C-alpha atoms as a PDB file:
ATOM      1  CA  MET A   1       0.000   0.000   0.000  1.00  0.00           C
ATOM      2  CA  CYS A   2       2.849   2.429   0.609  1.00  0.00           C
ATOM      3  CA  GLU A   3       5.501   1.013  -1.708  1.00  0.00           C
ATOM      4  CA  HIS A   4       5.799   4.307  -3.575  1.00  0.00           C
ATOM      5  CA  SER A   5       6.579   6.385  -0.482  1.00  0.00           C
ATOM      6  CA  PRO A   6      10.222   7.428   0.076  1.00  0.00           C
ATOM      7  CA  GLU A   7      10.021   6.158   3.666  1.00  0.00           C
ATOM      8  CA  CYS A   8       9.385   2.651   2.301  1.00  0.00           C
ATOM      9  CA  SER A   9      12.523   2.327   0.241  1.00  0.00           C
ATOM     10  CA  ASN A  10      14.192  -0.037   2.732  1.00  0.00           C
ATOM     11  CA  GLY A  11      12.712  -3.097   1.007  1.00  0.00           C
ATOM     12  CA  VAL A  12      11.176  -4.565   4.176  1.00  0.00           C
ATOM     13  CA  THR A  13       7.529  -5.523   3.721  1.00  0.00           C
ATOM     14  CA  CYS A  14       5.204  -6.419   6.557  1.00  0.00           C
ATOM     15  CA  GLN A  15       1.808  -8.094   6.466  1.00  0.00           C
ATOM     16  CA  LEU A  16      -0.935  -6.923   8.795  1.00  0.00           C
ATOM     17  CA  VAL A  17      -3.996  -9.126   9.246  1.00  0.00           C
ATOM     18  CA  LEU A  18      -7.120  -7.301  10.434  1.00  0.00           C
ATOM     19  CA  GLU A  19     -10.458  -8.651  11.611  1.00  0.00           C
ATOM     20  CA  ASN A  20     -13.672  -6.727  11.121  1.00  0.00           C
ATOM     21  CA  GLY A  21     -15.498  -6.843  14.441  1.00  0.00           C
ATOM     22  CA  ASP A  22     -18.910  -6.543  12.769  1.00  0.00           C
ATOM     23  CA  THR A  23     -18.557  -9.254  10.124  1.00  0.00           C
ATOM     24  CA  GLY A  24     -15.698 -11.381  11.483  1.00  0.00           C
ATOM     25  CA  LEU A  25     -13.952 -11.262   8.090  1.00  0.00           C
ATOM     26  CA  GLU A  26     -10.164 -11.047   8.015  1.00  0.00           C
ATOM     27  CA  THR A  27      -8.199  -9.009   5.491  1.00  0.00           C
ATOM     28  CA  ALA A  28      -4.476  -8.692   4.855  1.00  0.00           C
ATOM     29  CA  GLU A  29      -2.760  -5.370   4.234  1.00  0.00           C
ATOM     30  CA  TYR A  30       0.869  -4.797   3.307  1.00  0.00           C
ATOM     31  CA  TYR A  31       3.060  -1.977   4.563  1.00  0.00           C
ATOM     32  CA  CYS A  32       6.663  -1.044   5.054  1.00  0.00           C
ATOM     33  CA  LYS A  33       7.850  -1.291   8.652  1.00  0.00           C
ATOM     34  CA  ALA A  34       7.487   2.446   9.279  1.00  0.00           C
ATOM     35  CA  HIS A  35       3.881   2.651   8.081  1.00  0.00           C
ATOM     36  CA  LEU A  36       2.900  -0.606   9.788  1.00  0.00           C
ATOM     37  CA  VAL A  37       3.316   1.023  13.191  1.00  0.00           C
ATOM     38  CA  LEU A  38       1.093   3.926  12.150  1.00  0.00           C
ATOM     39  CA  ARG A  39      -1.584   1.606  10.741  1.00  0.00           C
ATOM     40  CA  ILE A  40      -1.664  -0.503  13.942  1.00  0.00           C
ATOM     41  CA  TRP A  41      -2.140   2.687  15.955  1.00  0.00           C
ATOM     42  CA  GLU A  42      -5.081   3.633  13.693  1.00  0.00           C
ATOM     43  CA  VAL A  43      -6.642   0.185  14.116  1.00  0.00           C
ATOM     44  CA  GLU A  44      -6.286   0.328  17.899  1.00  0.00           C
ATOM     45  CA  ASN A  45      -8.352   3.544  17.850  1.00  0.00           C
ATOM     46  CA  ASP A  46     -11.062   1.992  15.647  1.00  0.00           C
ATOM     47  CA  SER A  47     -13.509  -0.071  17.683  1.00  0.00           C
ATOM     48  CA  SER A  48     -14.793  -1.937  14.613  1.00  0.00           C
ATOM     49  CA  MET A  49     -11.379  -3.382  13.659  1.00  0.00           C
ATOM     50  CA  ARG A  50      -8.886  -5.608  15.457  1.00  0.00           C
ATOM     51  CA  ALA A  51      -5.295  -6.413  14.548  1.00  0.00           C
ATOM     52  CA  VAL A  52      -4.934 -10.202  14.425  1.00  0.00           C
ATOM     53  CA  SER A  53      -1.261 -10.450  13.479  1.00  0.00           C
ATOM     54  CA  ALA A  54       1.640  -8.531  12.007  1.00  0.00           C
ATOM     55  CA  GLU A  55       4.767 -10.101  10.594  1.00  0.00           C
ATOM     56  CA  GLN A  56       7.739  -9.221   8.450  1.00  0.00           C
ATOM     57  CA  LEU A  57       7.799 -10.951   5.065  1.00  0.00           C
END
């Protein structure tokens, strides 16, 4: 999702798996390490979403 950002030029990709609290569906999103931290913070402040896992690929 942020591959074109200058902060993501380190080549490290991380996968974030989210669960929708309303539907129970899980989705995977991909970020660089720097933006992964920001996205997890956003999810923690959203009561309808939950971070299931995050790992470096």
